Structures are given as C-alpha cells and as structure tokens.
Amino acid sequence: MFLKRKQDGHLVEVLSLNDLVNPLHKEIIGRLHYGEEPGDPEKFTKADLCFPSGEELPRCWTDVHYRDEELLKRLKITP
C-alpha cells in the first residue's frame, strides 16, 4: 500500500499494515519511492501521511479514543 507524505507529496510504501491500522502506533515503517530506487526502510509519523488522493487517514487508524463519545452516549454517562 502506498501513502503520500504531506510535506512534499512523495509516495511512501507501507511495509507494516498492522502498524498502519493500529491506533496505538503513531508511526509506521515504510520507504520513500521517488527516483529509480526505493529508499531504505525508515519510520514515518502517521500524522504526516495521507492517501495519494489527499484524503486523510481514517480516524480509527490514528485515534485510540475515536468512539469514546458514542460509548458514553450509549451508556448514558455525561462527561
């Protein structure tokens, strides 16, 4: 899977999908793809990446508390 680095638009090949979809992991292992040779594996912060279309990553991949409000409503607990 490829994502785009927001700062310069370079493509990043994601080498660990488990890191990508786990909201507890703030970084992924990937490698830059530009020029003729892919780069060496390195860490990338999820906040610095988006889909090649420019769309942000799903909140469930980046925020461990993305459903807290819904849970509180279902349990009828006020914060």
PDB file of N, CA and C in Angstrom:
ATOM      1  N   MET A   1       0.852  -1.163   0.000  1.00  0.00           N
ATOM      2  CA  MET A   1       0.000   0.000   0.000  1.00  0.00           C
ATOM      3  C   MET A   1       0.899   1.227   0.000  1.00  0.00           C
ATOM      4  N   PHE A   2       0.463   2.238  -0.732  1.00  0.00           N
ATOM      5  CA  PHE A   2       1.211   3.489  -0.800  1.00  0.00           C
ATOM      6  C   PHE A   2       0.412   4.617  -0.167  1.00  0.00           C
ATOM      7  N   LEU A   3       1.110   5.467   0.572  1.00  0.00           N
ATOM      8  CA  LEU A   3       0.561   6.693   1.112  1.00  0.00           C
ATOM      9  C   LEU A   3       1.426   7.840   0.616  1.00  0.00           C
ATOM     10  N   LYS A   4       0.944   9.049   0.810  1.00  0.00           N
ATOM     11  CA  LYS A   4       1.680  10.226   0.354  1.00  0.00           C
ATOM     12  C   LYS A   4       2.143  11.029   1.563  1.00  0.00           C
ATOM     13  N   ARG A   5       3.385  11.474   1.519  1.00  0.00           N
ATOM     14  CA  ARG A   5       3.906  12.356   2.561  1.00  0.00           C
ATOM     15  C   ARG A   5       3.384  13.758   2.289  1.00  0.00           C
ATOM     16  N   LYS A   6       2.727  14.346   3.273  1.00  0.00           N
ATOM     17  CA  LYS A   6       2.064  15.648   3.092  1.00  0.00           C
ATOM     18  C   LYS A   6       3.039  16.761   2.743  1.00  0.00           C
ATOM     19  N   GLN A   7       4.217  16.770   3.328  1.00  0.00           N
ATOM     20  CA  GLN A   7       5.129  17.902   3.171  1.00  0.00           C
ATOM     21  C   GLN A   7       5.666  18.061   1.747  1.00  0.00           C
ATOM     22  N   ASP A   8       5.844  16.947   1.039  1.00  0.00           N
ATOM     23  CA  ASP A   8       6.430  17.075  -0.291  1.00  0.00           C
ATOM     24  C   ASP A   8       5.728  16.249  -1.369  1.00  0.00           C
ATOM     25  N   GLY A   9       4.726  15.451  -0.985  1.00  0.00           N
ATOM     26  CA  GLY A   9       3.978  14.671  -1.963  1.00  0.00           C
ATOM     27  C   GLY A   9       4.644  13.385  -2.412  1.00  0.00           C
ATOM     28  N   HIS A  10       5.793  13.030  -1.824  1.00  0.00           N
ATOM     29  CA  HIS A  10       6.462  11.789  -2.201  1.00  0.00           C
ATOM     30  C   HIS A  10       5.674  10.590  -1.684  1.00  0.00           C
ATOM     31  N   LEU A  11       5.679   9.508  -2.452  1.00  0.00           N
ATOM     32  CA  LEU A  11       4.979   8.297  -2.055  1.00  0.00           C
ATOM     33  C   LEU A  11       5.811   7.493  -1.060  1.00  0.00           C
ATOM     34  N   VAL A  12       5.096   6.904  -0.099  1.00  0.00           N
ATOM     35  CA  VAL A  12       5.709   6.057   0.916  1.00  0.00           C
ATOM     36  C   VAL A  12       5.061   4.685   0.814  1.00  0.00           C
ATOM     37  N   GLU A  13       5.874   3.663   0.609  1.00  0.00           N
ATOM     38  CA  GLU A  13       5.366   2.298   0.596  1.00  0.00           C
ATOM     39  C   GLU A  13       5.264   1.824   2.045  1.00  0.00           C
ATOM     40  N   VAL A  14       4.060   1.451   2.469  1.00  0.00           N
ATOM     41  CA  VAL A  14       3.852   0.970   3.831  1.00  0.00           C
ATOM     42  C   VAL A  14       4.318  -0.480   3.901  1.00  0.00           C
ATOM     43  N   LEU A  15       5.235  -0.774   4.817  1.00  0.00           N
ATOM     44  CA  LEU A  15       5.778  -2.113   4.944  1.00  0.00           C
ATOM     45  C   LEU A  15       5.099  -2.904   6.056  1.00  0.00           C
ATOM     46  N   SER A  16       4.354  -2.236   6.920  1.00  0.00           N
ATOM     47  CA  SER A  16       3.672  -2.911   8.020  1.00  0.00           C
ATOM     48  C   SER A  16       2.237  -2.403   8.130  1.00  0.00           C
ATOM     49  N   LEU A  17       1.311  -3.136   7.548  1.00  0.00           N
ATOM     50  CA  LEU A  17      -0.095  -2.733   7.611  1.00  0.00           C
ATOM     51  C   LEU A  17      -0.635  -2.790   9.031  1.00  0.00           C
ATOM     52  N   ASN A  18      -0.121  -3.692   9.857  1.00  0.00           N
ATOM     53  CA  ASN A  18      -0.571  -3.760  11.248  1.00  0.00           C
ATOM     54  C   ASN A  18      -0.293  -2.454  11.980  1.00  0.00           C
ATOM     55  N   ASP A  19       0.867  -1.860  11.760  1.00  0.00           N
ATOM     56  CA  ASP A  19       1.176  -0.565  12.374  1.00  0.00           C
ATOM     57  C   ASP A  19       0.245   0.519  11.852  1.00  0.00           C
ATOM     58  N   LEU A  20      -0.081   0.447  10.583  1.00  0.00           N
ATOM     59  CA  LEU A  20      -0.930   1.467   9.966  1.00  0.00           C
ATOM     60  C   LEU A  20      -2.327   1.485  10.572  1.00  0.00           C
ATOM     61  N   VAL A  21      -2.941   0.346  10.758  1.00  0.00           N
ATOM     62  CA  VAL A  21      -4.322   0.303  11.222  1.00  0.00           C
ATOM     63  C   VAL A  21      -4.452   0.297  12.740  1.00  0.00           C
ATOM     64  N   ASN A  22      -3.357   0.149  13.467  1.00  0.00           N
ATOM     65  CA  ASN A  22      -3.401   0.138  14.921  1.00  0.00           C
ATOM     66  C   ASN A  22      -3.305   1.573  15.438  1.00  0.00           C
ATOM     67  N   PRO A  23      -4.375   2.076  16.098  1.00  0.00           N
ATOM     68  CA  PRO A  23      -4.342   3.467  16.564  1.00  0.00           C
ATOM     69  C   PRO A  23      -3.349   3.716  17.698  1.00  0.00           C
ATOM     70  N   LEU A  24      -2.852   2.675  18.333  1.00  0.00           N
ATOM     71  CA  LEU A  24      -1.846   2.847  19.378  1.00  0.00           C
ATOM     72  C   LEU A  24      -0.457   3.121  18.809  1.00  0.00           C
ATOM     73  N   HIS A  25      -0.258   2.800  17.548  1.00  0.00           N
ATOM     74  CA  HIS A  25       1.037   3.037  16.887  1.00  0.00           C
ATOM     75  C   HIS A  25       0.984   4.377  16.158  1.00  0.00           C
ATOM     76  N   LYS A  26       1.816   5.294  16.558  1.00  0.00           N
ATOM     77  CA  LYS A  26       1.849   6.638  15.960  1.00  0.00           C
ATOM     78  C   LYS A  26       2.747   6.700  14.733  1.00  0.00           C
ATOM     79  N   GLU A  27       3.566   5.662  14.541  1.00  0.00           N
ATOM     80  CA  GLU A  27       4.491   5.623  13.406  1.00  0.00           C
ATOM     81  C   GLU A  27       4.318   4.318  12.645  1.00  0.00           C
ATOM     82  N   ILE A  28       4.718   4.356  11.389  1.00  0.00           N
ATOM     83  CA  ILE A  28       4.739   3.156  10.555  1.00  0.00           C
ATOM     84  C   ILE A  28       6.152   2.981  10.002  1.00  0.00           C
ATOM     85  N   ILE A  29       6.452   1.787   9.558  1.00  0.00           N
ATOM     86  CA  ILE A  29       7.707   1.527   8.854  1.00  0.00           C
ATOM     87  C   ILE A  29       7.383   1.528   7.367  1.00  0.00           C
ATOM     88  N   GLY A  30       8.141   2.298   6.609  1.00  0.00           N
ATOM     89  CA  GLY A  30       7.914   2.375   5.168  1.00  0.00           C
ATOM     90  C   GLY A  30       9.181   2.819   4.466  1.00  0.00           C
ATOM     91  N   ARG A  31       9.062   2.984   3.153  1.00  0.00           N
ATOM     92  CA  ARG A  31      10.205   3.501   2.401  1.00  0.00           C
ATOM     93  C   ARG A  31       9.713   4.447   1.318  1.00  0.00           C
ATOM     94  N   LEU A  32      10.469   5.518   1.145  1.00  0.00           N
ATOM     95  CA  LEU A  32      10.140   6.523   0.135  1.00  0.00           C
ATOM     96  C   LEU A  32      10.330   5.953  -1.259  1.00  0.00           C
ATOM     97  N   HIS A  33       9.454   6.351  -2.161  1.00  0.00           N
ATOM     98  CA  HIS A  33       9.554   5.949  -3.557  1.00  0.00           C
ATOM     99  C   HIS A  33       9.577   7.197  -4.427  1.00  0.00           C
ATOM    100  N   TYR A  34      10.743   7.574  -4.824  1.00  0.00           N
ATOM    101  CA  TYR A  34      10.912   8.598  -5.848  1.00  0.00           C
ATOM    102  C   TYR A  34      12.275   8.379  -6.465  1.00  0.00           C
ATOM    103  N   GLY A  35      12.405   8.715  -7.689  1.00  0.00           N
ATOM    104  CA  GLY A  35      13.620   8.373  -8.403  1.00  0.00           C
ATOM    105  C   GLY A  35      13.548   6.924  -8.860  1.00  0.00           C
ATOM    106  N   GLU A  36      14.668   6.334  -9.141  1.00  0.00           N
ATOM    107  CA  GLU A  36      14.691   4.972  -9.674  1.00  0.00           C
ATOM    108  C   GLU A  36      14.723   3.894  -8.604  1.00  0.00           C
ATOM    109  N   GLU A  37      15.337   4.168  -7.468  1.00  0.00           N
ATOM    110  CA  GLU A  37      15.494   3.155  -6.423  1.00  0.00           C
ATOM    111  C   GLU A  37      14.620   3.492  -5.220  1.00  0.00           C
ATOM    112  N   PRO A  38      13.898   2.488  -4.670  1.00  0.00           N
ATOM    113  CA  PRO A  38      13.172   2.751  -3.421  1.00  0.00           C
ATOM    114  C   PRO A  38      14.163   2.982  -2.287  1.00  0.00           C
ATOM    115  N   GLY A  39      13.774   3.831  -1.340  1.00  0.00           N
ATOM    116  CA  GLY A  39      14.661   4.136  -0.227  1.00  0.00           C
ATOM    117  C   GLY A  39      14.742   3.006   0.774  1.00  0.00           C
ATOM    118  N   ASP A  40      15.625   3.170   1.733  1.00  0.00           N
ATOM    119  CA  ASP A  40      15.753   2.201   2.821  1.00  0.00           C
ATOM    120  C   ASP A  40      14.561   2.343   3.763  1.00  0.00           C
ATOM    121  N   PRO A  41      14.156   1.269   4.441  1.00  0.00           N
ATOM    122  CA  PRO A  41      13.060   1.358   5.400  1.00  0.00           C
ATOM    123  C   PRO A  41      13.370   2.376   6.502  1.00  0.00           C
ATOM    124  N   GLU A  42      12.369   3.158   6.866  1.00  0.00           N
ATOM    125  CA  GLU A  42      12.500   4.139   7.934  1.00  0.00           C
ATOM    126  C   GLU A  42      11.138   4.369   8.568  1.00  0.00           C
ATOM    127  N   LYS A  43      11.115   5.082   9.686  1.00  0.00           N
ATOM    128  CA  LYS A  43       9.873   5.370  10.393  1.00  0.00           C
ATOM    129  C   LYS A  43       9.247   6.650   9.854  1.00  0.00           C
ATOM    130  N   PHE A  44       7.909   6.622   9.737  1.00  0.00           N
ATOM    131  CA  PHE A  44       7.143   7.790   9.322  1.00  0.00           C
ATOM    132  C   PHE A  44       6.001   7.980  10.315  1.00  0.00           C
ATOM    133  N   THR A  45       5.752   9.207  10.711  1.00  0.00           N
ATOM    134  CA  THR A  45       4.642   9.511  11.605  1.00  0.00           C
ATOM    135  C   THR A  45       3.351   9.514  10.808  1.00  0.00           C
ATOM    136  N   LYS A  46       2.323   8.848  11.333  1.00  0.00           N
ATOM    137  CA  LYS A  46       1.042   8.768  10.632  1.00  0.00           C
ATOM    138  C   LYS A  46       0.446  10.146  10.374  1.00  0.00           C
ATOM    139  N   ALA A  47       0.664  11.089  11.290  1.00  0.00           N
ATOM    140  CA  ALA A  47       0.114  12.435  11.134  1.00  0.00           C
ATOM    141  C   ALA A  47       0.684  13.139   9.900  1.00  0.00           C
ATOM    142  N   ASP A  48       1.844  12.707   9.429  1.00  0.00           N
ATOM    143  CA  ASP A  48       2.495  13.325   8.268  1.00  0.00           C
ATOM    144  C   ASP A  48       2.107  12.658   6.951  1.00  0.00           C
ATOM    145  N   LEU A  49       1.189  11.675   7.005  1.00  0.00           N
ATOM    146  CA  LEU A  49       0.825  10.908   5.814  1.00  0.00           C
ATOM    147  C   LEU A  49      -0.654  11.045   5.491  1.00  0.00           C
ATOM    148  N   CYS A  50      -0.977  10.866   4.218  1.00  0.00           N
ATOM    149  CA  CYS A  50      -2.360  10.838   3.754  1.00  0.00           C
ATOM    150  C   CYS A  50      -2.424   9.879   2.567  1.00  0.00           C
ATOM    151  N   PHE A  51      -3.635   9.636   2.085  1.00  0.00           N
ATOM    152  CA  PHE A  51      -3.773   8.814   0.894  1.00  0.00           C
ATOM    153  C   PHE A  51      -3.265   9.595  -0.320  1.00  0.00           C
ATOM    154  N   PRO A  52      -2.863   8.912  -1.401  1.00  0.00           N
ATOM    155  CA  PRO A  52      -2.382   9.615  -2.590  1.00  0.00           C
ATOM    156  C   PRO A  52      -3.392  10.618  -3.149  1.00  0.00           C
ATOM    157  N   SER A  53      -4.684  10.415  -2.884  1.00  0.00           N
ATOM    158  CA  SER A  53      -5.720  11.343  -3.348  1.00  0.00           C
ATOM    159  C   SER A  53      -5.761  12.627  -2.529  1.00  0.00           C
ATOM    160  N   GLY A  54      -5.042  12.632  -1.384  1.00  0.00           N
ATOM    161  CA  GLY A  54      -5.062  13.787  -0.497  1.00  0.00           C
ATOM    162  C   GLY A  54      -5.999  13.602   0.689  1.00  0.00           C
ATOM    163  N   GLU A  55      -6.782  12.535   0.669  1.00  0.00           N
ATOM    164  CA  GLU A  55      -7.714  12.263   1.762  1.00  0.00           C
ATOM    165  C   GLU A  55      -6.939  11.845   3.011  1.00  0.00           C
ATOM    166  N   GLU A  56      -7.406  12.318   4.163  1.00  0.00           N
ATOM    167  CA  GLU A  56      -6.769  11.977   5.430  1.00  0.00           C
ATOM    168  C   GLU A  56      -6.961  10.496   5.760  1.00  0.00           C
ATOM    169  N   LEU A  57      -6.094   9.969   6.611  1.00  0.00           N
ATOM    170  CA  LEU A  57      -6.242   8.602   7.091  1.00  0.00           C
ATOM    171  C   LEU A  57      -7.484   8.511   7.969  1.00  0.00           C
ATOM    172  N   PRO A  58      -8.149   7.370   7.998  1.00  0.00           N
ATOM    173  CA  PRO A  58      -9.326   7.228   8.852  1.00  0.00           C
ATOM    174  C   PRO A  58      -8.977   7.473  10.320  1.00  0.00           C
ATOM    175  N   ARG A  59      -9.876   8.106  11.015  1.00  0.00           N
ATOM    176  CA  ARG A  59      -9.650   8.436  12.421  1.00  0.00           C
ATOM    177  C   ARG A  59      -9.418   7.172  13.261  1.00  0.00           C
ATOM    178  N   CYS A  60     -10.055   6.075  12.894  1.00  0.00           N
ATOM    179  CA  CYS A  60      -9.891   4.833  13.662  1.00  0.00           C
ATOM    180  C   CYS A  60      -8.472   4.272  13.538  1.00  0.00           C
ATOM    181  N   TRP A  61      -7.679   4.746  12.611  1.00  0.00           N
ATOM    182  CA  TRP A  61      -6.285   4.328  12.464  1.00  0.00           C
ATOM    183  C   TRP A  61      -5.340   5.205  13.277  1.00  0.00           C
ATOM    184  N   THR A  62      -5.811   6.383  13.697  1.00  0.00           N
ATOM    185  CA  THR A  62      -4.910   7.349  14.326  1.00  0.00           C
ATOM    186  C   THR A  62      -5.306   7.761  15.744  1.00  0.00           C
ATOM    187  N   ASP A  63      -6.560   7.527  16.132  1.00  0.00           N
ATOM    188  CA  ASP A  63      -7.061   7.994  17.425  1.00  0.00           C
ATOM    189  C   ASP A  63      -7.676   6.834  18.193  1.00  0.00           C
ATOM    190  N   VAL A  64      -7.019   6.419  19.259  1.00  0.00           N
ATOM    191  CA  VAL A  64      -7.497   5.285  20.042  1.00  0.00           C
ATOM    192  C   VAL A  64      -8.841   5.597  20.714  1.00  0.00           C
ATOM    193  N   HIS A  65      -9.179   6.848  20.889  1.00  0.00           N
ATOM    194  CA  HIS A  65     -10.414   7.256  21.556  1.00  0.00           C
ATOM    195  C   HIS A  65     -11.502   7.704  20.574  1.00  0.00           C
ATOM    196  N   TYR A  66     -11.442   7.244  19.347  1.00  0.00           N
ATOM    197  CA  TYR A  66     -12.355   7.741  18.320  1.00  0.00           C
ATOM    198  C   TYR A  66     -13.817   7.410  18.579  1.00  0.00           C
ATOM    199  N   ARG A  67     -14.127   6.443  19.439  1.00  0.00           N
ATOM    200  CA  ARG A  67     -15.517   6.087  19.708  1.00  0.00           C
ATOM    201  C   ARG A  67     -15.933   6.387  21.148  1.00  0.00           C
ATOM    202  N   ASP A  68     -15.145   7.127  21.889  1.00  0.00           N
ATOM    203  CA  ASP A  68     -15.463   7.405  23.288  1.00  0.00           C
ATOM    204  C   ASP A  68     -16.804   8.116  23.455  1.00  0.00           C
ATOM    205  N   GLU A  69     -17.078   9.132  22.638  1.00  0.00           N
ATOM    206  CA  GLU A  69     -18.341   9.871  22.742  1.00  0.00           C
ATOM    207  C   GLU A  69     -19.533   8.962  22.505  1.00  0.00           C
ATOM    208  N   GLU A  70     -19.433   8.109  21.498  1.00  0.00           N
ATOM    209  CA  GLU A  70     -20.515   7.174  21.200  1.00  0.00           C
ATOM    210  C   GLU A  70     -20.751   6.222  22.370  1.00  0.00           C
ATOM    211  N   LEU A  71     -19.687   5.738  22.959  1.00  0.00           N
ATOM    212  CA  LEU A  71     -19.799   4.834  24.096  1.00  0.00           C
ATOM    213  C   LEU A  71     -20.467   5.526  25.277  1.00  0.00           C
ATOM    214  N   LEU A  72     -20.069   6.755  25.560  1.00  0.00           N
ATOM    215  CA  LEU A  72     -20.667   7.498  26.662  1.00  0.00           C
ATOM    216  C   LEU A  72     -22.153   7.729  26.439  1.00  0.00           C
ATOM    217  N   LYS A  73     -22.537   8.019  25.209  1.00  0.00           N
ATOM    218  CA  LYS A  73     -23.964   8.212  24.883  1.00  0.00           C
ATOM    219  C   LYS A  73     -24.743   6.922  25.088  1.00  0.00           C
ATOM    220  N   ARG A  74     -24.195   5.809  24.662  1.00  0.00           N
ATOM    221  CA  ARG A  74     -24.879   4.527  24.804  1.00  0.00           C
ATOM    222  C   ARG A  74     -25.025   4.121  26.264  1.00  0.00           C
ATOM    223  N   LEU A  75     -24.041   4.478  27.075  1.00  0.00           N
ATOM    224  CA  LEU A  75     -24.100   4.167  28.489  1.00  0.00           C
ATOM    225  C   LEU A  75     -24.810   5.260  29.292  1.00  0.00           C
ATOM    226  N   LYS A  76     -25.163   6.335  28.599  1.00  0.00           N
ATOM    227  CA  LYS A  76     -25.846   7.494  29.193  1.00  0.00           C
ATOM    228  C   LYS A  76     -25.040   8.088  30.350  1.00  0.00           C
ATOM    229  N   ILE A  77     -23.761   8.228  30.081  1.00  0.00           N
ATOM    230  CA  ILE A  77     -22.857   8.845  31.063  1.00  0.00           C
ATOM    231  C   ILE A  77     -22.502  10.227  30.548  1.00  0.00           C
ATOM    232  N   THR A  78     -22.581  11.222  31.400  1.00  0.00           N
ATOM    233  CA  THR A  78     -22.179  12.563  30.984  1.00  0.00           C
ATOM    234  C   THR A  78     -20.755  12.817  31.440  1.00  0.00           C
ATOM    235  N   PRO A  79     -19.946  13.396  30.552  1.00  0.00           N
ATOM    236  CA  PRO A  79     -18.538  13.634  30.909  1.00  0.00           C
ATOM    237  C   PRO A  79     -18.376  14.704  31.964  1.00  0.00           C
TER     238      PRO A  79
END
